N, C-alpha and C. Protein backbone atom coordinates (compact mmCIF):
# COMPACT_ATOMS: atom_id res chain seq x y z
N ILE A 1 -76.07 131.09 37.75
CA ILE A 1 -76.63 131.73 38.92
C ILE A 1 -76.97 133.18 38.59
N LEU A 2 -76.09 133.84 37.84
CA LEU A 2 -76.35 135.23 37.46
C LEU A 2 -77.61 135.32 36.61
N ALA A 3 -77.77 134.40 35.66
CA ALA A 3 -78.95 134.43 34.80
C ALA A 3 -80.22 134.26 35.62
N SER A 4 -80.19 133.36 36.57
CA SER A 4 -81.36 133.14 37.42
C SER A 4 -81.62 134.36 38.30
N ASP A 5 -80.56 134.94 38.84
CA ASP A 5 -80.69 136.11 39.70
C ASP A 5 -81.21 137.32 38.91
N THR A 6 -80.74 137.46 37.68
CA THR A 6 -81.13 138.61 36.85
C THR A 6 -82.55 138.49 36.33
N ALA A 7 -82.90 137.31 35.83
CA ALA A 7 -84.20 137.15 35.17
C ALA A 7 -85.25 136.52 36.07
N GLY A 8 -84.81 135.80 37.10
CA GLY A 8 -85.77 135.12 37.96
C GLY A 8 -86.53 134.03 37.24
N SER A 9 -85.89 133.45 36.21
CA SER A 9 -86.57 132.45 35.39
C SER A 9 -85.66 131.25 35.17
N ASP A 10 -86.17 130.08 35.50
CA ASP A 10 -85.40 128.86 35.25
C ASP A 10 -85.24 128.61 33.75
N GLY A 11 -86.27 128.98 32.98
CA GLY A 11 -86.19 128.82 31.53
C GLY A 11 -85.09 129.67 30.93
N PHE A 12 -84.98 130.91 31.38
CA PHE A 12 -83.94 131.80 30.88
C PHE A 12 -82.57 131.27 31.29
N THR A 13 -82.47 130.79 32.51
CA THR A 13 -81.21 130.22 32.99
C THR A 13 -80.81 129.03 32.11
N GLY A 14 -81.80 128.20 31.76
CA GLY A 14 -81.53 127.07 30.87
C GLY A 14 -81.06 127.54 29.50
N LEU A 15 -81.64 128.62 28.99
CA LEU A 15 -81.24 129.16 27.69
C LEU A 15 -79.79 129.64 27.73
N VAL A 16 -79.41 130.31 28.80
CA VAL A 16 -78.03 130.79 28.93
C VAL A 16 -77.07 129.59 28.99
N ASN A 17 -77.41 128.57 29.75
CA ASN A 17 -76.56 127.37 29.81
C ASN A 17 -76.50 126.68 28.45
N PHE A 18 -77.61 126.61 27.75
CA PHE A 18 -77.64 126.02 26.41
C PHE A 18 -76.70 126.80 25.49
N ALA A 19 -76.78 128.12 25.54
CA ALA A 19 -75.92 128.97 24.70
C ALA A 19 -74.44 128.75 25.04
N ALA A 20 -74.15 128.46 26.29
CA ALA A 20 -72.76 128.27 26.70
C ALA A 20 -72.19 126.93 26.24
N TYR A 21 -73.03 125.92 26.09
CA TYR A 21 -72.51 124.58 25.80
C TYR A 21 -72.82 124.07 24.40
N ILE A 22 -73.77 124.64 23.69
CA ILE A 22 -74.09 124.15 22.35
C ILE A 22 -72.94 124.35 21.35
N PRO A 23 -72.14 125.42 21.45
CA PRO A 23 -71.02 125.54 20.50
C PRO A 23 -70.05 124.37 20.58
N THR A 24 -69.88 123.80 21.76
CA THR A 24 -68.97 122.67 21.93
C THR A 24 -69.39 121.50 21.04
N LEU A 25 -70.69 121.28 20.94
CA LEU A 25 -71.20 120.18 20.12
C LEU A 25 -70.80 120.35 18.66
N PHE A 26 -70.83 121.56 18.16
CA PHE A 26 -70.58 121.80 16.75
C PHE A 26 -69.13 122.19 16.43
N LEU A 27 -68.46 122.84 17.35
CA LEU A 27 -67.13 123.36 17.04
C LEU A 27 -65.97 122.47 17.48
N SER A 28 -66.20 121.55 18.39
CA SER A 28 -65.11 120.71 18.89
C SER A 28 -64.46 119.90 17.77
N PHE A 29 -65.27 119.42 16.84
CA PHE A 29 -64.72 118.65 15.72
C PHE A 29 -63.80 119.53 14.87
N TYR A 30 -64.25 120.74 14.62
CA TYR A 30 -63.47 121.68 13.83
C TYR A 30 -62.22 122.13 14.60
N ALA A 31 -62.33 122.22 15.90
CA ALA A 31 -61.21 122.65 16.73
C ALA A 31 -60.01 121.74 16.54
N GLY A 32 -60.25 120.45 16.44
CA GLY A 32 -59.16 119.50 16.23
C GLY A 32 -58.40 119.79 14.94
N THR A 33 -59.14 120.13 13.89
CA THR A 33 -58.51 120.47 12.62
C THR A 33 -57.67 121.74 12.76
N VAL A 34 -58.22 122.73 13.44
CA VAL A 34 -57.47 123.98 13.65
C VAL A 34 -56.22 123.71 14.47
N LEU A 35 -56.33 122.89 15.50
CA LEU A 35 -55.18 122.58 16.35
C LEU A 35 -54.11 121.80 15.59
N ASP A 36 -54.51 121.03 14.58
CA ASP A 36 -53.53 120.30 13.77
C ASP A 36 -52.82 121.20 12.77
N ARG A 37 -53.42 122.35 12.45
CA ARG A 37 -52.87 123.23 11.41
C ARG A 37 -52.16 124.47 11.96
N ARG A 38 -52.42 124.81 13.18
CA ARG A 38 -51.88 126.04 13.76
C ARG A 38 -51.06 125.71 15.00
N SER A 39 -50.41 126.73 15.52
CA SER A 39 -49.71 126.58 16.79
C SER A 39 -50.74 126.28 17.87
N ARG A 40 -50.61 125.15 18.50
CA ARG A 40 -51.58 124.75 19.53
C ARG A 40 -51.59 125.74 20.69
N LEU A 41 -50.41 126.15 21.08
CA LEU A 41 -50.31 127.12 22.17
C LEU A 41 -50.91 128.46 21.73
N GLY A 42 -50.70 128.83 20.48
CA GLY A 42 -51.30 130.05 19.95
C GLY A 42 -52.82 130.01 19.97
N VAL A 43 -53.39 128.86 19.63
CA VAL A 43 -54.85 128.70 19.67
C VAL A 43 -55.34 128.84 21.11
N VAL A 44 -54.62 128.25 22.05
CA VAL A 44 -55.00 128.37 23.46
C VAL A 44 -54.93 129.83 23.89
N TYR A 45 -53.89 130.55 23.49
CA TYR A 45 -53.78 131.98 23.82
C TYR A 45 -54.99 132.76 23.30
N VAL A 46 -55.35 132.54 22.05
CA VAL A 46 -56.46 133.28 21.44
C VAL A 46 -57.76 133.03 22.20
N PHE A 47 -58.07 131.78 22.46
CA PHE A 47 -59.37 131.48 23.07
C PHE A 47 -59.38 131.73 24.57
N GLN A 48 -58.21 131.68 25.23
CA GLN A 48 -58.14 132.12 26.62
C GLN A 48 -58.44 133.62 26.68
N SER A 49 -58.01 134.35 25.66
CA SER A 49 -58.31 135.78 25.59
C SER A 49 -59.81 136.02 25.50
N PHE A 50 -60.54 135.16 24.79
CA PHE A 50 -61.99 135.28 24.72
C PHE A 50 -62.59 135.20 26.12
N PHE A 51 -62.11 134.24 26.92
CA PHE A 51 -62.61 134.09 28.29
C PHE A 51 -62.37 135.37 29.10
N ILE A 52 -61.16 135.90 28.97
CA ILE A 52 -60.81 137.11 29.72
C ILE A 52 -61.69 138.28 29.29
N VAL A 53 -61.82 138.49 28.00
CA VAL A 53 -62.59 139.63 27.49
C VAL A 53 -64.07 139.51 27.90
N THR A 54 -64.67 138.33 27.74
CA THR A 54 -66.08 138.20 28.11
C THR A 54 -66.29 138.38 29.60
N SER A 55 -65.36 137.89 30.40
CA SER A 55 -65.48 138.06 31.85
C SER A 55 -65.34 139.53 32.25
N LEU A 56 -64.38 140.23 31.64
CA LEU A 56 -64.21 141.65 31.94
C LEU A 56 -65.41 142.47 31.44
N CYS A 57 -65.93 142.11 30.29
CA CYS A 57 -67.13 142.81 29.77
C CYS A 57 -68.31 142.62 30.72
N LEU A 58 -68.51 141.39 31.15
CA LEU A 58 -69.61 141.11 32.06
C LEU A 58 -69.42 141.85 33.38
N ALA A 59 -68.21 141.84 33.91
CA ALA A 59 -67.93 142.54 35.17
C ALA A 59 -68.21 144.04 35.01
N THR A 60 -67.79 144.61 33.89
CA THR A 60 -68.00 146.04 33.66
C THR A 60 -69.48 146.36 33.50
N LEU A 61 -70.19 145.55 32.73
CA LEU A 61 -71.64 145.76 32.57
C LEU A 61 -72.35 145.69 33.91
N LEU A 62 -71.95 144.75 34.73
CA LEU A 62 -72.57 144.62 36.06
C LEU A 62 -72.20 145.80 36.96
N LEU A 63 -70.96 146.25 36.86
CA LEU A 63 -70.51 147.37 37.69
C LEU A 63 -71.35 148.61 37.42
N TYR A 64 -71.71 148.82 36.16
CA TYR A 64 -72.49 150.00 35.79
C TYR A 64 -73.99 149.70 35.65
N ASP A 65 -74.41 148.62 36.29
CA ASP A 65 -75.84 148.23 36.31
C ASP A 65 -76.45 148.15 34.92
N GLN A 66 -75.72 147.59 33.98
CA GLN A 66 -76.23 147.45 32.62
C GLN A 66 -76.84 146.07 32.35
N ILE A 67 -76.71 145.17 33.29
CA ILE A 67 -77.37 143.86 33.18
C ILE A 67 -78.47 143.84 34.22
N GLU A 68 -79.68 143.91 33.74
CA GLU A 68 -80.85 143.85 34.62
C GLU A 68 -81.93 143.12 33.84
N PHE A 69 -83.12 143.07 34.36
CA PHE A 69 -84.17 142.29 33.72
C PHE A 69 -84.38 142.68 32.26
N GLY A 70 -84.41 143.97 31.97
CA GLY A 70 -84.67 144.43 30.60
C GLY A 70 -83.52 144.21 29.63
N THR A 71 -82.31 144.11 30.14
CA THR A 71 -81.14 143.94 29.27
C THR A 71 -80.50 142.57 29.46
N ARG A 72 -81.23 141.67 30.03
CA ARG A 72 -80.69 140.34 30.34
C ARG A 72 -80.30 139.54 29.10
N TRP A 73 -80.77 139.98 27.91
CA TRP A 73 -80.50 139.22 26.69
C TRP A 73 -79.04 139.29 26.27
N ALA A 74 -78.26 140.12 26.93
CA ALA A 74 -76.81 140.11 26.66
C ALA A 74 -76.18 138.82 27.18
N LEU A 75 -76.79 138.24 28.21
CA LEU A 75 -76.20 137.05 28.83
C LEU A 75 -76.09 135.86 27.89
N PRO A 76 -77.14 135.52 27.11
CA PRO A 76 -76.95 134.39 26.18
C PRO A 76 -75.87 134.67 25.14
N GLY A 77 -75.74 135.93 24.71
CA GLY A 77 -74.69 136.27 23.75
C GLY A 77 -73.31 136.08 24.33
N ILE A 78 -73.13 136.55 25.55
CA ILE A 78 -71.84 136.39 26.23
C ILE A 78 -71.56 134.91 26.46
N ALA A 79 -72.60 134.17 26.84
CA ALA A 79 -72.45 132.72 27.05
C ALA A 79 -72.08 132.02 25.76
N LEU A 80 -72.64 132.46 24.64
CA LEU A 80 -72.34 131.85 23.34
C LEU A 80 -70.87 132.06 22.97
N VAL A 81 -70.36 133.27 23.17
CA VAL A 81 -68.94 133.55 22.89
C VAL A 81 -68.05 132.70 23.79
N THR A 82 -68.41 132.61 25.06
CA THR A 82 -67.64 131.79 25.99
C THR A 82 -67.69 130.32 25.58
N GLY A 83 -68.86 129.87 25.13
CA GLY A 83 -68.99 128.49 24.67
C GLY A 83 -68.13 128.20 23.45
N CYS A 84 -68.04 129.16 22.54
CA CYS A 84 -67.17 128.99 21.37
C CYS A 84 -65.71 128.86 21.82
N ALA A 85 -65.31 129.67 22.77
CA ALA A 85 -63.95 129.59 23.30
C ALA A 85 -63.71 128.24 23.97
N LEU A 86 -64.69 127.78 24.73
CA LEU A 86 -64.57 126.49 25.42
C LEU A 86 -64.37 125.35 24.44
N ALA A 87 -65.05 125.42 23.30
CA ALA A 87 -64.94 124.36 22.29
C ALA A 87 -63.51 124.21 21.76
N PHE A 88 -62.73 125.28 21.80
CA PHE A 88 -61.34 125.21 21.36
C PHE A 88 -60.39 125.01 22.54
N MET A 89 -60.76 125.53 23.70
CA MET A 89 -59.87 125.45 24.86
C MET A 89 -59.71 124.03 25.38
N VAL A 90 -60.79 123.30 25.49
CA VAL A 90 -60.71 121.95 26.07
C VAL A 90 -59.78 121.06 25.23
N PRO A 91 -60.03 120.90 23.93
CA PRO A 91 -59.07 120.07 23.18
C PRO A 91 -57.70 120.74 23.05
N GLY A 92 -57.66 122.08 23.06
CA GLY A 92 -56.39 122.78 22.94
C GLY A 92 -55.46 122.51 24.10
N ARG A 93 -55.99 122.51 25.30
CA ARG A 93 -55.15 122.26 26.48
C ARG A 93 -54.54 120.86 26.42
N PHE A 94 -55.34 119.90 25.99
CA PHE A 94 -54.83 118.53 25.91
C PHE A 94 -53.86 118.38 24.75
N ALA A 95 -54.09 119.08 23.65
CA ALA A 95 -53.17 119.02 22.51
C ALA A 95 -51.82 119.64 22.87
N VAL A 96 -51.84 120.70 23.65
CA VAL A 96 -50.60 121.35 24.06
C VAL A 96 -49.74 120.39 24.90
N LEU A 97 -50.38 119.52 25.66
CA LEU A 97 -49.62 118.54 26.44
C LEU A 97 -48.66 117.75 25.56
N GLY A 98 -49.15 117.34 24.39
CA GLY A 98 -48.30 116.59 23.47
C GLY A 98 -47.12 117.38 22.96
N ASP A 99 -47.21 118.70 23.05
CA ASP A 99 -46.12 119.56 22.60
C ASP A 99 -45.11 119.88 23.70
N ILE A 100 -45.49 119.68 24.95
CA ILE A 100 -44.60 120.13 26.04
C ILE A 100 -44.05 119.00 26.91
N VAL A 101 -44.56 117.80 26.76
CA VAL A 101 -44.00 116.68 27.53
C VAL A 101 -43.50 115.62 26.56
N PRO A 102 -42.51 114.85 26.97
CA PRO A 102 -42.02 113.78 26.09
C PRO A 102 -43.15 112.78 25.78
N PRO A 103 -43.13 112.20 24.60
CA PRO A 103 -44.21 111.29 24.19
C PRO A 103 -44.52 110.18 25.20
N GLU A 104 -43.50 109.66 25.85
CA GLU A 104 -43.75 108.57 26.81
C GLU A 104 -44.45 109.07 28.08
N GLN A 105 -44.46 110.37 28.32
CA GLN A 105 -45.12 110.93 29.50
C GLN A 105 -46.52 111.49 29.21
N VAL A 106 -46.94 111.48 27.95
CA VAL A 106 -48.25 112.04 27.59
C VAL A 106 -49.40 111.35 28.32
N PRO A 107 -49.43 110.01 28.41
CA PRO A 107 -50.57 109.39 29.13
C PRO A 107 -50.68 109.85 30.58
N GLY A 108 -49.58 109.87 31.30
CA GLY A 108 -49.61 110.33 32.70
C GLY A 108 -49.97 111.80 32.81
N ALA A 109 -49.44 112.62 31.90
CA ALA A 109 -49.75 114.05 31.92
C ALA A 109 -51.23 114.28 31.61
N THR A 110 -51.79 113.48 30.70
CA THR A 110 -53.20 113.60 30.37
C THR A 110 -54.07 113.26 31.57
N ILE A 111 -53.71 112.22 32.27
CA ILE A 111 -54.45 111.85 33.49
C ILE A 111 -54.35 112.98 34.51
N GLY A 112 -53.14 113.52 34.69
CA GLY A 112 -52.94 114.63 35.63
C GLY A 112 -53.78 115.85 35.26
N LEU A 113 -53.81 116.19 33.97
CA LEU A 113 -54.61 117.33 33.54
C LEU A 113 -56.10 117.06 33.75
N ASN A 114 -56.53 115.84 33.46
CA ASN A 114 -57.93 115.48 33.71
C ASN A 114 -58.30 115.65 35.18
N ILE A 115 -57.42 115.21 36.05
CA ILE A 115 -57.67 115.35 37.49
C ILE A 115 -57.75 116.83 37.87
N LEU A 116 -56.84 117.64 37.34
CA LEU A 116 -56.88 119.08 37.62
C LEU A 116 -58.18 119.72 37.13
N VAL A 117 -58.63 119.33 35.94
CA VAL A 117 -59.88 119.87 35.39
C VAL A 117 -61.06 119.47 36.28
N ILE A 118 -61.11 118.21 36.66
CA ILE A 118 -62.22 117.72 37.51
C ILE A 118 -62.22 118.44 38.85
N VAL A 119 -61.04 118.56 39.46
CA VAL A 119 -60.94 119.25 40.75
C VAL A 119 -61.31 120.72 40.57
N GLY A 120 -60.84 121.33 39.49
CA GLY A 120 -61.16 122.73 39.22
C GLY A 120 -62.65 122.96 39.07
N PHE A 121 -63.31 122.10 38.29
CA PHE A 121 -64.75 122.24 38.11
C PHE A 121 -65.49 121.95 39.41
N GLY A 122 -64.92 121.12 40.25
CA GLY A 122 -65.56 120.80 41.52
C GLY A 122 -65.40 121.88 42.57
N ILE A 123 -64.21 122.49 42.60
CA ILE A 123 -63.93 123.46 43.65
C ILE A 123 -64.30 124.89 43.25
N ALA A 124 -64.37 125.17 41.95
CA ALA A 124 -64.70 126.54 41.50
C ALA A 124 -66.02 127.04 42.08
N PRO A 125 -67.08 126.23 42.09
CA PRO A 125 -68.34 126.73 42.67
C PRO A 125 -68.22 127.11 44.15
N VAL A 126 -67.34 126.44 44.88
CA VAL A 126 -67.13 126.78 46.29
C VAL A 126 -66.56 128.19 46.40
N PHE A 127 -65.52 128.48 45.59
CA PHE A 127 -64.92 129.81 45.63
C PHE A 127 -65.88 130.87 45.12
N VAL A 128 -66.61 130.55 44.05
CA VAL A 128 -67.59 131.49 43.52
C VAL A 128 -68.64 131.80 44.58
N GLY A 129 -69.12 130.77 45.25
CA GLY A 129 -70.12 130.97 46.31
C GLY A 129 -69.59 131.81 47.46
N LEU A 130 -68.35 131.55 47.86
CA LEU A 130 -67.75 132.32 48.95
C LEU A 130 -67.59 133.79 48.56
N ILE A 131 -67.11 134.03 47.35
CA ILE A 131 -66.94 135.42 46.91
C ILE A 131 -68.29 136.11 46.80
N LYS A 132 -69.26 135.43 46.19
CA LYS A 132 -70.58 136.04 45.98
C LYS A 132 -71.33 136.25 47.29
N GLN A 133 -71.10 135.41 48.26
CA GLN A 133 -71.78 135.54 49.55
C GLN A 133 -71.48 136.87 50.23
N TYR A 134 -70.27 137.39 50.01
CA TYR A 134 -69.85 138.61 50.69
C TYR A 134 -69.67 139.81 49.75
N ASN A 135 -69.88 139.62 48.46
CA ASN A 135 -69.62 140.68 47.49
C ASN A 135 -70.70 140.72 46.42
N ALA A 136 -70.71 141.80 45.67
CA ALA A 136 -71.66 141.97 44.57
C ALA A 136 -71.13 141.24 43.32
N TRP A 137 -72.01 141.11 42.33
CA TRP A 137 -71.66 140.42 41.09
C TRP A 137 -70.40 140.97 40.41
N PRO A 138 -70.24 142.30 40.32
CA PRO A 138 -69.03 142.80 39.64
C PRO A 138 -67.74 142.32 40.29
N VAL A 139 -67.72 142.27 41.61
CA VAL A 139 -66.51 141.80 42.31
C VAL A 139 -66.21 140.37 41.92
N LEU A 140 -67.24 139.55 41.86
CA LEU A 140 -67.06 138.15 41.49
C LEU A 140 -66.46 138.04 40.08
N PHE A 141 -67.03 138.78 39.13
CA PHE A 141 -66.54 138.65 37.76
C PHE A 141 -65.18 139.31 37.55
N PHE A 142 -64.86 140.34 38.32
CA PHE A 142 -63.50 140.88 38.27
C PHE A 142 -62.52 139.88 38.87
N ALA A 143 -62.92 139.16 39.91
CA ALA A 143 -62.07 138.13 40.51
C ALA A 143 -61.85 136.99 39.51
N ILE A 144 -62.92 136.58 38.83
CA ILE A 144 -62.78 135.53 37.81
C ILE A 144 -61.84 136.02 36.71
N SER A 145 -61.98 137.26 36.30
CA SER A 145 -61.10 137.83 35.27
C SER A 145 -59.64 137.79 35.73
N ALA A 146 -59.41 138.12 36.98
CA ALA A 146 -58.05 138.11 37.52
C ALA A 146 -57.45 136.70 37.47
N VAL A 147 -58.24 135.71 37.84
CA VAL A 147 -57.76 134.32 37.79
C VAL A 147 -57.45 133.92 36.35
N LEU A 148 -58.31 134.31 35.42
CA LEU A 148 -58.08 133.99 34.00
C LEU A 148 -56.82 134.67 33.47
N ILE A 149 -56.58 135.91 33.90
CA ILE A 149 -55.38 136.62 33.47
C ILE A 149 -54.13 135.95 34.03
N VAL A 150 -54.17 135.54 35.28
CA VAL A 150 -53.03 134.82 35.87
C VAL A 150 -52.79 133.51 35.11
N ALA A 151 -53.86 132.79 34.80
CA ALA A 151 -53.72 131.55 34.03
C ALA A 151 -53.10 131.81 32.66
N TYR A 152 -53.48 132.92 32.04
CA TYR A 152 -52.94 133.31 30.74
C TYR A 152 -51.44 133.59 30.85
N ILE A 153 -51.08 134.35 31.88
CA ILE A 153 -49.67 134.71 32.08
C ILE A 153 -48.81 133.47 32.35
N THR A 154 -49.37 132.49 33.06
CA THR A 154 -48.60 131.28 33.36
C THR A 154 -48.29 130.47 32.10
N LEU A 155 -48.96 130.77 31.00
CA LEU A 155 -48.66 130.08 29.73
C LEU A 155 -47.39 130.62 29.07
N PHE A 156 -46.99 131.85 29.41
CA PHE A 156 -45.85 132.49 28.73
C PHE A 156 -44.56 131.66 28.77
N PRO A 157 -44.19 131.08 29.92
CA PRO A 157 -42.91 130.35 29.92
C PRO A 157 -42.96 128.99 29.20
N ILE A 158 -44.13 128.56 28.79
CA ILE A 158 -44.24 127.25 28.14
C ILE A 158 -43.63 127.31 26.74
N ARG A 159 -42.73 126.39 26.49
CA ARG A 159 -42.10 126.28 25.18
C ARG A 159 -42.37 124.87 24.64
N PRO A 160 -43.01 124.79 23.48
CA PRO A 160 -43.33 123.48 22.91
C PRO A 160 -42.09 122.74 22.43
N ALA A 161 -41.49 121.94 23.29
CA ALA A 161 -40.27 121.23 22.97
C ALA A 161 -40.52 120.01 22.08
N TYR A 162 -41.73 119.49 22.09
CA TYR A 162 -42.03 118.26 21.36
C TYR A 162 -43.09 118.47 20.28
N ALA A 163 -43.26 119.71 19.85
CA ALA A 163 -44.28 120.00 18.84
C ALA A 163 -43.97 119.27 17.54
N VAL A 164 -45.01 118.75 16.94
CA VAL A 164 -44.88 118.03 15.68
C VAL A 164 -45.38 118.95 14.57
N ALA A 165 -44.60 119.06 13.52
CA ALA A 165 -45.02 119.90 12.39
C ALA A 165 -46.23 119.27 11.72
N PRO A 166 -47.14 120.09 11.22
CA PRO A 166 -48.31 119.53 10.52
C PRO A 166 -47.89 118.68 9.33
N ASP A 167 -48.62 117.62 9.08
CA ASP A 167 -48.37 116.74 7.95
C ASP A 167 -48.58 117.53 6.66
N PRO A 168 -47.54 117.69 5.83
CA PRO A 168 -47.69 118.48 4.60
C PRO A 168 -48.82 117.97 3.70
N ALA A 169 -49.08 116.68 3.72
CA ALA A 169 -50.15 116.13 2.88
C ALA A 169 -51.52 116.64 3.33
N LEU A 170 -51.65 116.99 4.62
CA LEU A 170 -52.94 117.45 5.13
C LEU A 170 -53.14 118.95 4.91
N LEU A 171 -52.07 119.68 4.66
CA LEU A 171 -52.19 121.13 4.51
C LEU A 171 -53.00 121.52 3.28
N GLY A 172 -53.01 120.68 2.26
CA GLY A 172 -53.78 120.98 1.07
C GLY A 172 -55.23 120.53 1.17
N VAL A 173 -55.58 119.84 2.24
CA VAL A 173 -56.94 119.33 2.43
C VAL A 173 -57.73 120.35 3.24
N SER A 174 -58.93 120.66 2.79
CA SER A 174 -59.75 121.65 3.49
C SER A 174 -60.16 121.15 4.87
N ALA A 175 -60.45 122.09 5.75
CA ALA A 175 -60.92 121.75 7.10
C ALA A 175 -62.22 120.97 7.00
N TYR A 176 -63.08 121.36 6.06
CA TYR A 176 -64.35 120.64 5.89
C TYR A 176 -64.09 119.18 5.51
N GLN A 177 -63.14 118.95 4.59
CA GLN A 177 -62.83 117.59 4.17
C GLN A 177 -62.28 116.77 5.33
N ARG A 178 -61.42 117.37 6.14
CA ARG A 178 -60.89 116.67 7.33
C ARG A 178 -62.01 116.33 8.30
N PHE A 179 -62.93 117.28 8.49
CA PHE A 179 -64.09 117.05 9.36
C PHE A 179 -64.93 115.89 8.80
N HIS A 180 -65.19 115.92 7.51
CA HIS A 180 -65.98 114.87 6.85
C HIS A 180 -65.29 113.52 6.98
N ASP A 181 -63.99 113.47 6.75
CA ASP A 181 -63.24 112.23 6.87
C ASP A 181 -63.28 111.69 8.31
N GLY A 182 -63.22 112.61 9.27
CA GLY A 182 -63.30 112.20 10.67
C GLY A 182 -64.65 111.59 11.00
N LEU A 183 -65.72 112.17 10.48
CA LEU A 183 -67.05 111.60 10.71
C LEU A 183 -67.19 110.23 10.07
N LEU A 184 -66.62 110.06 8.87
CA LEU A 184 -66.66 108.75 8.22
C LEU A 184 -65.89 107.71 9.02
N PHE A 185 -64.77 108.14 9.61
CA PHE A 185 -63.97 107.22 10.42
C PHE A 185 -64.75 106.77 11.65
N VAL A 186 -65.45 107.71 12.28
CA VAL A 186 -66.23 107.39 13.49
C VAL A 186 -67.39 106.46 13.16
N ARG A 187 -67.98 106.68 12.00
CA ARG A 187 -69.14 105.88 11.61
C ARG A 187 -68.71 104.46 11.48
């Protein structure tokens, strides 16, 4: 909506959306490898931070009228960074489930998280619309930043009680090789 409002162009809005979602196509496969080799919760912390920083940057740029028709090209860049974070966050959140719930509860927890994600994606536009209807863009993005910060803080008490150590045999295998092997398996 911001891209359309700023540029007044459906094509530009499409470009911003493309920039936000194309990283998922290329990075999601790699994200799985990273999640298998690193602390899953740590990966979620890092990429949740990307969301917070990009949202705060956008809010600040809007507050000081730095996003307008002539400077609208910052939006695809911000969308690209957010898209990269999304490519790690989506599988990361589900991977963390395996670390915090007993193995026999993972299927039910996965369904529960899926429902929360679907409801969140469904209801978020309602809240965004309500905030934007009565406030300027900076207020909206500062509000989004606040929600992201609260979500980040709620991760602090999580302790991975069921985390599985990485397979030592896989630690010597490059991420590219794991990615290649995964593609061969899918084929």
